[in-house]
Amino acid sequence: MEFTQQDREALYQIWMSQKAKMRMTQMEITKRLGISQIDFSELLRGSARLEPAFVEQFCSQLHVDPKSVIPSLKNNNNPSQIIYLKSRITVDGEIKKTYIEGNQVIVEYAHSIE
């Protein structure tokens, strides 16, 4: 899905509104999103391409429904659209093996007990 400049402006306005309500800094949101402050600024200001996964995760962190605040998603009447999401995990140890079983990703890792 292609997001418009209007969508980007809506995201920026959501950020400005919600960060005050939630008392959240840019450093906090970027840490939660797993991106740098520079990348975050480029996403909201227009020099980086907006990805559906970012929009979904960003809105989730700010406790807003993207379909109610993003103009392109409000106007989208196609419920069968596919979106691509990304998940990231951190383990307390060294990853030894990863594999896929159906719709699950299995991560085997070694953890040292001292």
C-alpha atoms as a PDB file:
ATOM      1  CA  MET A   1       0.000   0.000   0.000  1.00  0.00           C
ATOM      2  CA  GLU A   2       1.204   3.472  -0.847  1.00  0.00           C
ATOM      3  CA  PHE A   3       0.715   6.124   1.790  1.00  0.00           C
ATOM      4  CA  THR A   4       0.143   9.748   0.782  1.00  0.00           C
ATOM      5  CA  GLN A   5       1.563  12.998   2.084  1.00  0.00           C
ATOM      6  CA  GLN A   6      -1.799  13.511   3.781  1.00  0.00           C
ATOM      7  CA  ASP A   7      -1.289  10.217   5.643  1.00  0.00           C
ATOM      8  CA  ARG A   8       2.190  11.331   6.703  1.00  0.00           C
ATOM      9  CA  GLU A   9       0.809  14.634   7.994  1.00  0.00           C
ATOM     10  CA  ALA A  10      -1.887  12.747   9.913  1.00  0.00           C
ATOM     11  CA  LEU A  11       0.797  10.560  11.528  1.00  0.00           C
ATOM     12  CA  TYR A  12       2.757  13.655  12.505  1.00  0.00           C
ATOM     13  CA  GLN A  13      -0.344  15.250  14.056  1.00  0.00           C
ATOM     14  CA  ILE A  14      -1.110  12.026  15.941  1.00  0.00           C
ATOM     15  CA  TRP A  15       2.456  11.993  17.243  1.00  0.00           C
ATOM     16  CA  MET A  16       2.293  15.626  18.375  1.00  0.00           C
ATOM     17  CA  SER A  17      -1.018  15.050  20.138  1.00  0.00           C
ATOM     18  CA  GLN A  18      -0.321  11.670  21.721  1.00  0.00           C
ATOM     19  CA  LYS A  19       3.228  12.373  22.890  1.00  0.00           C
ATOM     20  CA  ALA A  20       1.911  15.213  25.054  1.00  0.00           C
ATOM     21  CA  LYS A  21      -0.970  13.116  26.403  1.00  0.00           C
ATOM     22  CA  MET A  22       1.274  10.127  27.078  1.00  0.00           C
ATOM     23  CA  ARG A  23       4.263  12.231  28.199  1.00  0.00           C
ATOM     24  CA  MET A  24       6.473  10.347  25.779  1.00  0.00           C
ATOM     25  CA  THR A  25       9.712  11.591  24.257  1.00  0.00           C
ATOM     26  CA  GLN A  26      11.019  10.921  20.773  1.00  0.00           C
ATOM     27  CA  MET A  27      13.794   8.860  22.333  1.00  0.00           C
ATOM     28  CA  GLU A  28      11.231   6.623  24.065  1.00  0.00           C
ATOM     29  CA  ILE A  29       9.114   6.014  20.952  1.00  0.00           C
ATOM     30  CA  THR A  30      12.158   5.244  18.790  1.00  0.00           C
ATOM     31  CA  LYS A  31      13.400   2.750  21.360  1.00  0.00           C
ATOM     32  CA  ARG A  32       9.986   1.052  21.385  1.00  0.00           C
ATOM     33  CA  LEU A  33       9.901   0.992  17.572  1.00  0.00           C
ATOM     34  CA  GLY A  34      13.486  -0.244  17.283  1.00  0.00           C
ATOM     35  CA  ILE A  35      14.596   2.583  14.975  1.00  0.00           C
ATOM     36  CA  SER A  36      16.929   5.563  15.268  1.00  0.00           C
ATOM     37  CA  GLN A  37      15.700   9.079  15.975  1.00  0.00           C
ATOM     38  CA  ILE A  38      16.946  10.125  12.526  1.00  0.00           C
ATOM     39  CA  ASP A  39      14.931   7.351  10.825  1.00  0.00           C
ATOM     40  CA  PHE A  40      11.874   8.327  12.870  1.00  0.00           C
ATOM     41  CA  SER A  41      12.194  11.957  11.824  1.00  0.00           C
ATOM     42  CA  GLU A  42      12.621  10.982   8.160  1.00  0.00           C
ATOM     43  CA  LEU A  43       9.510   8.786   8.320  1.00  0.00           C
ATOM     44  CA  LEU A  44       7.340  11.541   9.782  1.00  0.00           C
ATOM     45  CA  ARG A  45       8.822  14.377   7.733  1.00  0.00           C
ATOM     46  CA  GLY A  46       8.766  12.795   4.312  1.00  0.00           C
ATOM     47  CA  SER A  47      12.187  11.652   3.167  1.00  0.00           C
ATOM     48  CA  ALA A  48      11.622   7.946   3.937  1.00  0.00           C
ATOM     49  CA  ARG A  49       8.938   5.632   2.537  1.00  0.00           C
ATOM     50  CA  LEU A  50       6.139   4.808   4.980  1.00  0.00           C
ATOM     51  CA  GLU A  51       5.670   1.063   5.343  1.00  0.00           C
ATOM     52  CA  PRO A  52       2.418  -0.519   6.580  1.00  0.00           C
ATOM     53  CA  ALA A  53       4.318  -2.339   9.348  1.00  0.00           C
ATOM     54  CA  PHE A  54       5.703   0.957  10.687  1.00  0.00           C
ATOM     55  CA  VAL A  55       2.294   2.665  10.587  1.00  0.00           C
ATOM     56  CA  GLU A  56       0.672  -0.280  12.381  1.00  0.00           C
ATOM     57  CA  GLN A  57       3.371  -0.480  15.061  1.00  0.00           C
ATOM     58  CA  PHE A  58       3.543   3.311  15.523  1.00  0.00           C
ATOM     59  CA  CYS A  59      -0.223   3.620  15.988  1.00  0.00           C
ATOM     60  CA  SER A  60      -0.201   0.657  18.353  1.00  0.00           C
ATOM     61  CA  GLN A  61       2.451   2.309  20.543  1.00  0.00           C
ATOM     62  CA  LEU A  62       0.337   5.482  20.657  1.00  0.00           C
ATOM     63  CA  HIS A  63      -2.888   3.546  21.388  1.00  0.00           C
ATOM     64  CA  VAL A  64      -4.734   4.736  18.286  1.00  0.00           C
ATOM     65  CA  ASP A  65      -6.504   2.758  15.571  1.00  0.00           C
ATOM     66  CA  PRO A  66      -4.767   3.469  12.240  1.00  0.00           C
ATOM     67  CA  LYS A  67      -8.030   2.903  10.350  1.00  0.00           C
ATOM     68  CA  SER A  68      -9.628   5.775  12.236  1.00  0.00           C
ATOM     69  CA  VAL A  69      -6.803   8.304  11.854  1.00  0.00           C
ATOM     70  CA  ILE A  70      -4.984   7.598   8.557  1.00  0.00           C
ATOM     71  CA  PRO A  71      -6.934   9.034   5.599  1.00  0.00           C
ATOM     72  CA  SER A  72      -5.937   6.287   3.132  1.00  0.00           C
ATOM     73  CA  LEU A  73      -7.006   3.592   5.580  1.00  0.00           C
ATOM     74  CA  LYS A  74     -10.273   5.379   6.408  1.00  0.00           C
ATOM     75  CA  ASN A  75     -11.163   5.484   2.707  1.00  0.00           C
ATOM     76  CA  ASN A  76     -10.092   1.917   1.981  1.00  0.00           C
ATOM     77  CA  ASN A  77     -13.181  -0.252   1.582  1.00  0.00           C
ATOM     78  CA  ASN A  78     -11.264  -3.341   0.479  1.00  0.00           C
ATOM     79  CA  PRO A  79     -11.225  -5.634   3.546  1.00  0.00           C
ATOM     80  CA  SER A  80      -9.250  -8.389   1.793  1.00  0.00           C
ATOM     81  CA  GLN A  81      -6.112  -6.291   1.400  1.00  0.00           C
ATOM     82  CA  ILE A  82      -2.867  -7.924   2.509  1.00  0.00           C
ATOM     83  CA  ILE A  83      -0.508  -6.019   4.771  1.00  0.00           C
ATOM     84  CA  TYR A  84       2.978  -7.094   5.762  1.00  0.00           C
ATOM     85  CA  LEU A  85       4.069  -6.903   9.376  1.00  0.00           C
ATOM     86  CA  LYS A  86       7.394  -7.426  11.081  1.00  0.00           C
ATOM     87  CA  SER A  87       8.054  -8.841  14.560  1.00  0.00           C
ATOM     88  CA  ARG A  88      11.297  -8.637  16.466  1.00  0.00           C
ATOM     89  CA  ILE A  89      12.325 -10.547  19.598  1.00  0.00           C
ATOM     90  CA  THR A  90      15.282 -10.404  21.929  1.00  0.00           C
ATOM     91  CA  VAL A  91      16.497 -13.511  23.713  1.00  0.00           C
ATOM     92  CA  ASP A  92      18.657 -13.786  26.810  1.00  0.00           C
ATOM     93  CA  GLY A  93      21.362 -15.905  25.258  1.00  0.00           C
ATOM     94  CA  GLU A  94      22.970 -16.915  21.984  1.00  0.00           C
ATOM     95  CA  ILE A  95      20.714 -17.937  19.105  1.00  0.00           C
ATOM     96  CA  LYS A  96      21.695 -21.384  17.855  1.00  0.00           C
ATOM     97  CA  LYS A  97      18.988 -22.237  15.342  1.00  0.00           C
ATOM     98  CA  THR A  98      15.842 -20.739  13.811  1.00  0.00           C
ATOM     99  CA  TYR A  99      13.293 -22.485  11.634  1.00  0.00           C
ATOM    100  CA  ILE A 100       9.712 -22.242  10.454  1.00  0.00           C
ATOM    101  CA  GLU A 101       6.840 -24.636  11.145  1.00  0.00           C
ATOM    102  CA  GLY A 102       3.651 -23.545   9.423  1.00  0.00           C
ATOM    103  CA  ASN A 103       2.953 -20.034  10.633  1.00  0.00           C
ATOM    104  CA  GLN A 104       5.391 -20.233  13.576  1.00  0.00           C
ATOM    105  CA  VAL A 105       9.031 -19.217  13.794  1.00  0.00           C
ATOM    106  CA  ILE A 106      10.970 -21.298  16.302  1.00  0.00           C
ATOM    107  CA  VAL A 107      14.109 -19.869  17.881  1.00  0.00           C
ATOM    108  CA  GLU A 108      16.456 -22.165  19.764  1.00  0.00           C
ATOM    109  CA  TYR A 109      19.035 -20.443  21.914  1.00  0.00           C
ATOM    110  CA  ALA A 110      21.572 -21.159  24.641  1.00  0.00           C
ATOM    111  CA  HIS A 111      21.324 -19.372  27.972  1.00  0.00           C
ATOM    112  CA  SER A 112      24.161 -19.456  30.520  1.00  0.00           C
ATOM    113  CA  ILE A 113      23.206 -20.002  34.150  1.00  0.00           C
ATOM    114  CA  GLU A 114      25.842 -18.732  36.519  1.00  0.00           C
END
